[in-house]
Amino acid sequence: MANRKTLLYISAALALTAPALAQQYRQIVSNKAFVDRFSEPRDDLWWRADDRVGGKRINDTGYSAANIDIADDALTLLLEEKPYRDRGHTGASYKTRDLYSYGRYDAVMKAARGSGVVTGFYTYTGPAFGDPHDEIDFEFLGRDPRLLHLNYFVAGEAKLKRTVELPFDASEDFHLYTFEWRPGEIVWSVDGKELLRVAGAPEEMPSHPGKVIAEVWAAKNLKKWAGIIDPSALPARATVRCISFRPENSSAPTCADEPESGAS
């Protein structure tokens, strides 16, 4: 009986720690099209980041699964002035279990507002997954929700760092944000209108499949870019109604398409 109890305790411990550990290892490259309108949790598709922290120099955020909520056909990401591990704030990061490559990425979302608050929709891979750091970004600057930062990384080096002004406040309503990633080219669009296109030799552009991530975090030591965190703006929330991926040379549906009858 004692041995059986011991095995049960070990199994329970593994069950609790497996999700956190799994995030540290390479996932499979799926490249399977998906559209998630958040009518219900899809734990087969997504991880809820938990017991994790951002980069200490510029990110004063610990990530808790408790700050992620799916209800009323929406994903809500919460940032609080609440210490978590060794960070001063608790935020939220929602990421795919698998890695995705060339194709179209969409999000219908409303960004969080507040100085020092950053909302992100992006792809990422790095050393934790056995790859160099490649990334493609939409980052919304809560200090002025008309400001949208576009960037991409190749082998850990930021290549663009372009901030553009939107014709609307991204924290007031939902808009469609899209980037199309092809060998040697990235095109960012908002509400179906091209915002920016960059091209280069394939080796000078992101090439490694990455996780799809939506998150909200508190900036640190980024006064000129993100501003200083404003406690009066917290808690802050980013809300997402849809995220989709369509692989290159596919006609699969995306967030830009109308939901099917009866869907959210």
C-alpha atoms as a PDB file:
ATOM      1  CA  MET A   1       0.000   0.000   0.000  1.00  0.00           C
ATOM      2  CA  ALA A   2       2.829   2.387   0.871  1.00  0.00           C
ATOM      3  CA  ASN A   3       4.460   1.852  -2.514  1.00  0.00           C
ATOM      4  CA  ARG A   4       1.183   2.520  -4.261  1.00  0.00           C
ATOM      5  CA  LYS A   5       0.745   5.796  -2.357  1.00  0.00           C
ATOM      6  CA  THR A   6       4.272   6.823  -3.242  1.00  0.00           C
ATOM      7  CA  LEU A   7       3.578   6.194  -6.919  1.00  0.00           C
ATOM      8  CA  LEU A   8       0.381   8.225  -6.719  1.00  0.00           C
ATOM      9  CA  TYR A   9       2.228  11.163  -5.142  1.00  0.00           C
ATOM     10  CA  ILE A  10       4.927  11.021  -7.826  1.00  0.00           C
ATOM     11  CA  SER A  11       2.306  10.878 -10.579  1.00  0.00           C
ATOM     12  CA  ALA A  12       0.486  13.871  -9.104  1.00  0.00           C
ATOM     13  CA  ALA A  13       3.699  15.883  -8.879  1.00  0.00           C
ATOM     14  CA  LEU A  14       4.564  15.076 -12.484  1.00  0.00           C
ATOM     15  CA  ALA A  15       1.104  16.093 -13.605  1.00  0.00           C
ATOM     16  CA  LEU A  16       1.475  19.467 -11.912  1.00  0.00           C
ATOM     17  CA  THR A  17       4.934  20.228 -13.240  1.00  0.00           C
ATOM     18  CA  ALA A  18       4.718  18.727 -16.730  1.00  0.00           C
ATOM     19  CA  PRO A  19       3.092  21.766 -18.425  1.00  0.00           C
ATOM     20  CA  ALA A  20       5.713  24.171 -17.049  1.00  0.00           C
ATOM     21  CA  LEU A  21       8.556  21.826 -17.978  1.00  0.00           C
ATOM     22  CA  ALA A  22       7.160  21.154 -21.429  1.00  0.00           C
ATOM     23  CA  GLN A  23       7.352  24.836 -22.313  1.00  0.00           C
ATOM     24  CA  GLN A  24      11.126  24.610 -22.044  1.00  0.00           C
ATOM     25  CA  TYR A  25      11.561  21.948 -24.697  1.00  0.00           C
ATOM     26  CA  ARG A  26      11.191  21.974 -28.448  1.00  0.00           C
ATOM     27  CA  GLN A  27       7.638  21.404 -29.580  1.00  0.00           C
ATOM     28  CA  ILE A  28       6.634  19.885 -32.887  1.00  0.00           C
ATOM     29  CA  VAL A  29       6.307  22.070 -35.973  1.00  0.00           C
ATOM     30  CA  SER A  30       2.602  21.799 -36.651  1.00  0.00           C
ATOM     31  CA  ASN A  31       1.860  24.222 -39.508  1.00  0.00           C
ATOM     32  CA  LYS A  32      -1.748  23.073 -39.283  1.00  0.00           C
ATOM     33  CA  ALA A  33      -4.243  25.855 -39.976  1.00  0.00           C
ATOM     34  CA  PHE A  34      -6.402  26.969 -37.059  1.00  0.00           C
ATOM     35  CA  VAL A  35      -8.955  29.623 -36.157  1.00  0.00           C
ATOM     36  CA  ASP A  36      -9.741  30.111 -32.468  1.00  0.00           C
ATOM     37  CA  ARG A  37     -12.627  32.448 -31.593  1.00  0.00           C
ATOM     38  CA  PHE A  38     -12.439  31.582 -27.887  1.00  0.00           C
ATOM     39  CA  SER A  39     -15.899  30.095 -27.541  1.00  0.00           C
ATOM     40  CA  GLU A  40     -14.260  27.615 -25.142  1.00  0.00           C
ATOM     41  CA  PRO A  41     -10.745  26.816 -23.873  1.00  0.00           C
ATOM     42  CA  ARG A  42      -8.629  24.805 -26.311  1.00  0.00           C
ATOM     43  CA  ASP A  43      -5.938  23.276 -24.154  1.00  0.00           C
ATOM     44  CA  ASP A  44      -4.922  21.046 -27.070  1.00  0.00           C
ATOM     45  CA  LEU A  45      -3.765  24.163 -28.926  1.00  0.00           C
ATOM     46  CA  TRP A  46      -2.552  26.574 -26.210  1.00  0.00           C
ATOM     47  CA  TRP A  47      -0.377  26.819 -23.103  1.00  0.00           C
ATOM     48  CA  ARG A  48      -1.242  29.232 -20.293  1.00  0.00           C
ATOM     49  CA  ALA A  49       2.162  30.474 -19.171  1.00  0.00           C
ATOM     50  CA  ASP A  50       2.558  29.992 -15.418  1.00  0.00           C
ATOM     51  CA  ASP A  51       5.313  30.451 -12.837  1.00  0.00           C
ATOM     52  CA  ARG A  52       7.476  32.199 -15.411  1.00  0.00           C
ATOM     53  CA  VAL A  53       9.174  35.610 -15.589  1.00  0.00           C
ATOM     54  CA  GLY A  54      10.164  38.044 -18.321  1.00  0.00           C
ATOM     55  CA  GLY A  55      13.648  39.334 -19.085  1.00  0.00           C
ATOM     56  CA  LYS A  56      14.835  40.991 -15.878  1.00  0.00           C
ATOM     57  CA  ARG A  57      16.391  44.082 -17.455  1.00  0.00           C
ATOM     58  CA  ILE A  58      13.344  45.295 -19.366  1.00  0.00           C
ATOM     59  CA  ASN A  59      10.367  43.264 -18.143  1.00  0.00           C
ATOM     60  CA  ASP A  60       9.056  43.591 -14.584  1.00  0.00           C
ATOM     61  CA  THR A  61       6.484  40.837 -15.080  1.00  0.00           C
ATOM     62  CA  GLY A  62       5.832  37.365 -13.747  1.00  0.00           C
ATOM     63  CA  TYR A  63       3.339  35.332 -15.743  1.00  0.00           C
ATOM     64  CA  SER A  64       0.470  33.539 -14.030  1.00  0.00           C
ATOM     65  CA  ALA A  65      -2.174  31.280 -15.569  1.00  0.00           C
ATOM     66  CA  ALA A  66      -4.644  32.901 -13.167  1.00  0.00           C
ATOM     67  CA  ASN A  67      -4.409  36.109 -15.225  1.00  0.00           C
ATOM     68  CA  ILE A  68      -5.831  34.407 -18.319  1.00  0.00           C
ATOM     69  CA  ASP A  69      -9.583  34.119 -18.747  1.00  0.00           C
ATOM     70  CA  ILE A  70     -11.740  32.735 -21.559  1.00  0.00           C
ATOM     71  CA  ALA A  71     -15.390  33.742 -21.367  1.00  0.00           C
ATOM     72  CA  ASP A  72     -18.064  35.391 -23.517  1.00  0.00           C
ATOM     73  CA  ASP A  73     -16.210  34.498 -26.730  1.00  0.00           C
ATOM     74  CA  ALA A  74     -13.056  36.351 -25.752  1.00  0.00           C
ATOM     75  CA  LEU A  75      -9.598  35.801 -24.312  1.00  0.00           C
ATOM     76  CA  THR A  76      -8.741  38.337 -21.582  1.00  0.00           C
ATOM     77  CA  LEU A  77      -5.132  38.948 -20.518  1.00  0.00           C
ATOM     78  CA  LEU A  78      -4.729  40.784 -17.197  1.00  0.00           C
ATOM     79  CA  LEU A  79      -1.817  42.867 -15.886  1.00  0.00           C
ATOM     80  CA  GLU A  80      -1.821  43.705 -12.172  1.00  0.00           C
ATOM     81  CA  GLU A  81       0.376  45.637  -9.763  1.00  0.00           C
ATOM     82  CA  LYS A  82       0.953  42.438  -7.823  1.00  0.00           C
ATOM     83  CA  PRO A  83       4.407  40.920  -7.115  1.00  0.00           C
ATOM     84  CA  TYR A  84       5.012  37.536  -8.688  1.00  0.00           C
ATOM     85  CA  ARG A  85       8.207  35.617  -8.022  1.00  0.00           C
ATOM     86  CA  ASP A  86      10.908  38.321  -8.196  1.00  0.00           C
ATOM     87  CA  ARG A  87       8.942  40.747 -10.387  1.00  0.00           C
ATOM     88  CA  GLY A  88       6.763  43.653  -9.325  1.00  0.00           C
ATOM     89  CA  HIS A  89       3.805  42.847 -11.570  1.00  0.00           C
ATOM     90  CA  THR A  90       1.718  39.867 -12.619  1.00  0.00           C
ATOM     91  CA  GLY A  91       0.835  39.558 -16.279  1.00  0.00           C
ATOM     92  CA  ALA A  92      -0.428  36.995 -18.767  1.00  0.00           C
ATOM     93  CA  SER A  93       1.047  35.120 -21.717  1.00  0.00           C
ATOM     94  CA  TYR A  94      -0.943  32.740 -23.909  1.00  0.00           C
ATOM     95  CA  LYS A  95       1.098  30.691 -26.370  1.00  0.00           C
ATOM     96  CA  THR A  96       0.614  27.806 -28.761  1.00  0.00           C
ATOM     97  CA  ARG A  97       1.900  24.412 -27.757  1.00  0.00           C
ATOM     98  CA  ASP A  98       3.400  23.837 -31.211  1.00  0.00           C
ATOM     99  CA  LEU A  99       5.574  25.848 -33.568  1.00  0.00           C
ATOM    100  CA  TYR A 100       4.377  27.422 -36.817  1.00  0.00           C
ATOM    101  CA  SER A 101       6.251  28.542 -39.920  1.00  0.00           C
ATOM    102  CA  TYR A 102       5.563  30.561 -43.076  1.00  0.00           C
ATOM    103  CA  GLY A 103       1.997  31.711 -43.514  1.00  0.00           C
ATOM    104  CA  ARG A 104      -0.572  34.257 -42.406  1.00  0.00           C
ATOM    105  CA  TYR A 105      -1.117  35.185 -38.744  1.00  0.00           C
ATOM    106  CA  ASP A 106      -4.206  37.114 -37.597  1.00  0.00           C
ATOM    107  CA  ALA A 107      -5.557  38.497 -34.337  1.00  0.00           C
ATOM    108  CA  VAL A 108      -8.744  40.429 -33.651  1.00  0.00           C
ATOM    109  CA  MET A 109      -7.909  42.267 -30.463  1.00  0.00           C
ATOM    110  CA  LYS A 110      -8.167  45.317 -28.259  1.00  0.00           C
ATOM    111  CA  ALA A 111      -4.913  46.409 -26.609  1.00  0.00           C
ATOM    112  CA  ALA A 112      -4.378  47.351 -22.966  1.00  0.00           C
ATOM    113  CA  ARG A 113      -3.979  51.015 -22.011  1.00  0.00           C
ATOM    114  CA  GLY A 114      -1.528  52.603 -19.565  1.00  0.00           C
ATOM    115  CA  SER A 115       1.997  54.001 -19.446  1.00  0.00           C
ATOM    116  CA  GLY A 116       4.521  51.176 -19.257  1.00  0.00           C
ATOM    117  CA  VAL A 117       1.953  48.594 -20.361  1.00  0.00           C
ATOM    118  CA  VAL A 118       2.792  46.565 -23.482  1.00  0.00           C
ATOM    119  CA  THR A 119       0.427  44.248 -25.350  1.00  0.00           C
ATOM    120  CA  GLY A 120       2.013  41.786 -27.756  1.00  0.00           C
ATOM    121  CA  PHE A 121       0.908  39.538 -30.601  1.00  0.00           C
ATOM    122  CA  TYR A 122       3.910  37.776 -32.107  1.00  0.00           C
ATOM    123  CA  THR A 123       5.797  34.627 -33.039  1.00  0.00           C
ATOM    124  CA  TYR A 124       8.875  33.538 -31.112  1.00  0.00           C
ATOM    125  CA  THR A 125      11.432  30.777 -30.949  1.00  0.00           C
ATOM    126  CA  GLY A 126      14.793  30.718 -29.189  1.00  0.00           C
ATOM    127  CA  PRO A 127      17.421  28.689 -27.355  1.00  0.00           C
ATOM    128  CA  ALA A 128      14.814  27.134 -25.023  1.00  0.00           C
ATOM    129  CA  PHE A 129      13.491  25.300 -28.085  1.00  0.00           C
ATOM    130  CA  GLY A 130      16.900  24.523 -29.583  1.00  0.00           C
ATOM    131  CA  ASP A 131      16.769  27.396 -32.079  1.00  0.00           C
ATOM    132  CA  PRO A 132      18.315  30.836 -32.472  1.00  0.00           C
ATOM    133  CA  HIS A 133      16.055  33.706 -31.393  1.00  0.00           C
ATOM    134  CA  ASP A 134      13.726  34.505 -34.313  1.00  0.00           C
ATOM    135  CA  GLU A 135      10.642  36.675 -33.743  1.00  0.00           C
ATOM    136  CA  ILE A 136       8.012  38.732 -35.589  1.00  0.00           C
ATOM    137  CA  ASP A 137       6.120  41.373 -33.585  1.00  0.00           C
ATOM    138  CA  PHE A 138       3.075  43.514 -33.165  1.00  0.00           C
ATOM    139  CA  GLU A 139       3.573  45.460 -29.903  1.00  0.00           C
ATOM    140  CA  PHE A 140       1.045  48.004 -28.667  1.00  0.00           C
ATOM    141  CA  LEU A 141       2.380  50.819 -26.481  1.00  0.00           C
ATOM    142  CA  GLY A 142      -0.161  51.546 -23.765  1.00  0.00           C
ATOM    143  CA  ARG A 143       1.279  54.990 -23.043  1.00  0.00           C
ATOM    144  CA  ASP A 144      -0.304  56.079 -26.350  1.00  0.00           C
ATOM    145  CA  PRO A 145      -2.592  53.384 -27.784  1.00  0.00           C
ATOM    146  CA  ARG A 146      -2.286  54.908 -31.242  1.00  0.00           C
ATOM    147  CA  LEU A 147       1.336  53.770 -31.337  1.00  0.00           C
ATOM    148  CA  LEU A 148       2.088  50.336 -32.765  1.00  0.00           C
ATOM    149  CA  HIS A 149       5.611  48.923 -32.769  1.00  0.00           C
ATOM    150  CA  LEU A 150       6.655  46.530 -35.546  1.00  0.00           C
ATOM    151  CA  ASN A 151       9.819  44.494 -35.317  1.00  0.00           C
ATOM    152  CA  TYR A 152      11.475  41.232 -36.240  1.00  0.00           C
ATOM    153  CA  PHE A 153      14.512  39.383 -34.871  1.00  0.00           C
ATOM    154  CA  VAL A 154      17.023  37.143 -36.599  1.00  0.00           C
ATOM    155  CA  ALA A 155      19.407  35.153 -34.402  1.00  0.00           C
ATOM    156  CA  GLY A 156      18.636  37.455 -31.480  1.00  0.00           C
ATOM    157  CA  GLU A 157      19.210  40.727 -33.335  1.00  0.00           C
ATOM    158  CA  ALA A 158      16.365  43.235 -33.720  1.00  0.00           C
ATOM    159  CA  LYS A 159      16.200  44.201 -37.380  1.00  0.00           C
ATOM    160  CA  LEU A 160      13.407  46.774 -37.703  1.00  0.00           C
ATOM    161  CA  LYS A 161      12.288  48.678 -34.563  1.00  0.00           C
ATOM    162  CA  ARG A 162       9.626  50.662 -36.409  1.00  0.00           C
ATOM    163  CA  THR A 163       6.904  52.527 -34.502  1.00  0.00           C
ATOM    164  CA  VAL A 164       3.921  53.667 -36.561  1.00  0.00           C
ATOM    165  CA  GLU A 165       0.892  55.754 -35.643  1.00  0.00           C
ATOM    166  CA  LEU A 166      -2.512  54.184 -36.141  1.00  0.00           C
ATOM    167  CA  PRO A 167      -5.551  56.241 -37.221  1.00  0.00           C
ATOM    168  CA  PHE A 168      -7.386  54.996 -34.123  1.00  0.00           C
ATOM    169  CA  ASP A 169      -6.917  54.196 -30.433  1.00  0.00           C
ATOM    170  CA  ALA A 170      -6.108  50.456 -30.280  1.00  0.00           C
ATOM    171  CA  SER A 171      -7.451  50.217 -26.707  1.00  0.00           C
ATOM    172  CA  GLU A 172     -10.953  51.453 -27.577  1.00  0.00           C
ATOM    173  CA  ASP A 173     -12.189  48.829 -30.026  1.00  0.00           C
ATOM    174  CA  PHE A 174     -11.344  45.579 -31.786  1.00  0.00           C
ATOM    175  CA  HIS A 175      -9.317  45.608 -34.990  1.00  0.00           C
ATOM    176  CA  LEU A 176      -7.808  42.954 -37.233  1.00  0.00           C
ATOM    177  CA  TYR A 177      -3.997  42.717 -37.095  1.00  0.00           C
ATOM    178  CA  THR A 178      -2.242  40.536 -39.661  1.00  0.00           C
ATOM    179  CA  PHE A 179       1.286  39.659 -40.630  1.00  0.00           C
ATOM    180  CA  GLU A 180       2.172  37.449 -43.568  1.00  0.00           C
ATOM    181  CA  TRP A 181       5.517  35.704 -43.253  1.00  0.00           C
ATOM    182  CA  ARG A 182       7.138  34.326 -46.377  1.00  0.00           C
ATOM    183  CA  PRO A 183      10.746  33.363 -47.199  1.00  0.00           C
ATOM    184  CA  GLY A 184      12.506  36.704 -47.528  1.00  0.00           C
ATOM    185  CA  GLU A 185       9.450  38.868 -46.781  1.00  0.00           C
ATOM    186  CA  ILE A 186       7.120  40.036 -43.996  1.00  0.00           C
ATOM    187  CA  VAL A 187       3.982  42.131 -44.573  1.00  0.00           C
ATOM    188  CA  TRP A 188       2.095  43.753 -41.664  1.00  0.00           C
ATOM    189  CA  SER A 189      -1.532  44.855 -42.175  1.00  0.00           C
ATOM    190  CA  VAL A 190      -4.289  46.410 -40.068  1.00  0.00           C
ATOM    191  CA  ASP A 191      -7.967  45.896 -40.932  1.00  0.00           C
ATOM    192  CA  GLY A 192      -6.918  44.482 -44.294  1.00  0.00           C
ATOM    193  CA  LYS A 193      -4.787  47.484 -45.286  1.00  0.00           C
ATOM    194  CA  GLU A 194      -1.062  47.014 -45.732  1.00  0.00           C
ATOM    195  CA  LEU A 195       0.934  48.906 -43.125  1.00  0.00           C
ATOM    196  CA  LEU A 196       4.510  47.904 -43.853  1.00  0.00           C
ATOM    197  CA  ARG A 197       6.413  45.460 -46.060  1.00  0.00           C
ATOM    198  CA  VAL A 198      10.038  44.410 -45.568  1.00  0.00           C
ATOM    199  CA  ALA A 199      12.073  42.113 -47.791  1.00  0.00           C
ATOM    200  CA  GLY A 200      15.563  40.680 -47.795  1.00  0.00           C
ATOM    201  CA  ALA A 201      17.605  37.607 -48.513  1.00  0.00           C
ATOM    202  CA  PRO A 202      16.051  34.579 -46.769  1.00  0.00           C
ATOM    203  CA  GLU A 203      19.077  34.240 -44.488  1.00  0.00           C
ATOM    204  CA  GLU A 204      18.546  37.838 -43.345  1.00  0.00           C
ATOM    205  CA  MET A 205      14.930  37.211 -42.326  1.00  0.00           C
ATOM    206  CA  PRO A 206      13.314  35.004 -39.669  1.00  0.00           C
ATOM    207  CA  SER A 207      13.363  31.391 -40.841  1.00  0.00           C
ATOM    208  CA  HIS A 208      12.762  29.216 -37.780  1.00  0.00           C
ATOM    209  CA  PRO A 209       9.196  28.178 -36.836  1.00  0.00           C
ATOM    210  CA  GLY A 210       7.909  29.820 -33.658  1.00  0.00           C
ATOM    211  CA  LYS A 211       5.153  29.779 -31.094  1.00  0.00           C
ATOM    212  CA  VAL A 212       2.205  32.129 -31.589  1.00  0.00           C
ATOM    213  CA  ILE A 213       1.889  34.328 -28.497  1.00  0.00           C
ATOM    214  CA  ALA A 214      -0.530  36.924 -27.115  1.00  0.00           C
ATOM    215  CA  GLU A 215       0.468  38.636 -23.879  1.00  0.00           C
ATOM    216  CA  VAL A 216       0.449  41.731 -21.698  1.00  0.00           C
ATOM    217  CA  TRP A 217       3.439  42.849 -19.613  1.00  0.00           C
ATOM    218  CA  ALA A 218       4.930  45.703 -17.583  1.00  0.00           C
ATOM    219  CA  ALA A 219       7.975  47.412 -19.074  1.00  0.00           C
ATOM    220  CA  LYS A 220      11.060  48.308 -17.044  1.00  0.00           C
ATOM    221  CA  ASN A 221      13.961  50.564 -18.069  1.00  0.00           C
ATOM    222  CA  LEU A 222      12.158  51.407 -21.323  1.00  0.00           C
ATOM    223  CA  LYS A 223      11.081  54.972 -20.502  1.00  0.00           C
ATOM    224  CA  LYS A 224      11.494  56.415 -24.000  1.00  0.00           C
ATOM    225  CA  TRP A 225       9.792  53.483 -25.725  1.00  0.00           C
ATOM    226  CA  ALA A 226       7.057  52.169 -23.409  1.00  0.00           C
ATOM    227  CA  GLY A 227       7.011  54.825 -20.692  1.00  0.00           C
ATOM    228  CA  ILE A 228       7.157  54.357 -16.930  1.00  0.00           C
ATOM    229  CA  ILE A 229       4.558  52.046 -15.465  1.00  0.00           C
ATOM    230  CA  ASP A 230       1.557  53.955 -14.134  1.00  0.00           C
ATOM    231  CA  PRO A 231       0.023  52.186 -11.109  1.00  0.00           C
ATOM    232  CA  SER A 232      -3.207  54.152 -11.542  1.00  0.00           C
ATOM    233  CA  ALA A 233      -3.701  52.446 -14.939  1.00  0.00           C
ATOM    234  CA  LEU A 234      -3.656  49.001 -13.359  1.00  0.00           C
ATOM    235  CA  PRO A 235      -5.224  46.543 -13.545  1.00  0.00           C
ATOM    236  CA  ALA A 236      -5.003  46.711 -17.347  1.00  0.00           C
ATOM    237  CA  ARG A 237      -6.606  44.259 -19.757  1.00  0.00           C
ATOM    238  CA  ALA A 238      -6.027  43.204 -23.338  1.00  0.00           C
ATOM    239  CA  THR A 239      -8.908  41.360 -24.997  1.00  0.00           C
ATOM    240  CA  VAL A 240      -8.656  39.001 -27.979  1.00  0.00           C
ATOM    241  CA  ARG A 241     -11.648  37.733 -29.963  1.00  0.00           C
ATOM    242  CA  CYS A 242      -9.817  35.620 -32.522  1.00  0.00           C
ATOM    243  CA  ILE A 243      -6.381  34.268 -33.426  1.00  0.00           C
ATOM    244  CA  SER A 244      -5.702  32.290 -36.591  1.00  0.00           C
ATOM    245  CA  PHE A 245      -2.880  30.786 -38.607  1.00  0.00           C
ATOM    246  CA  ARG A 246      -3.018  29.827 -42.271  1.00  0.00           C
ATOM    247  CA  PRO A 247       0.026  28.133 -43.801  1.00  0.00           C
ATOM    248  CA  GLU A 248       1.596  29.401 -46.985  1.00  0.00           C
ATOM    249  CA  ASN A 249      -0.193  28.386 -50.197  1.00  0.00           C
ATOM    250  CA  SER A 250      -3.369  27.488 -48.295  1.00  0.00           C
ATOM    251  CA  SER A 251      -6.941  28.743 -48.612  1.00  0.00           C
ATOM    252  CA  ALA A 252      -7.901  27.849 -45.043  1.00  0.00           C
ATOM    253  CA  PRO A 253     -10.156  30.344 -43.208  1.00  0.00           C
ATOM    254  CA  THR A 254      -8.722  33.101 -41.006  1.00  0.00           C
ATOM    255  CA  CYS A 255     -10.007  35.605 -38.461  1.00  0.00           C
ATOM    256  CA  ALA A 256     -10.833  37.886 -41.395  1.00  0.00           C
ATOM    257  CA  ASP A 257     -13.587  35.500 -42.489  1.00  0.00           C
ATOM    258  CA  GLU A 258     -17.057  35.658 -40.998  1.00  0.00           C
ATOM    259  CA  PRO A 259     -17.737  32.975 -38.360  1.00  0.00           C
ATOM    260  CA  GLU A 260     -19.831  30.057 -39.570  1.00  0.00           C
ATOM    261  CA  SER A 261     -23.509  30.099 -38.607  1.00  0.00           C
ATOM    262  CA  GLY A 262     -23.832  29.258 -34.938  1.00  0.00           C
ATOM    263  CA  ALA A 263     -20.155  29.948 -34.192  1.00  0.00           C
ATOM    264  CA  SER A 264     -18.888  32.761 -32.029  1.00  0.00           C
END
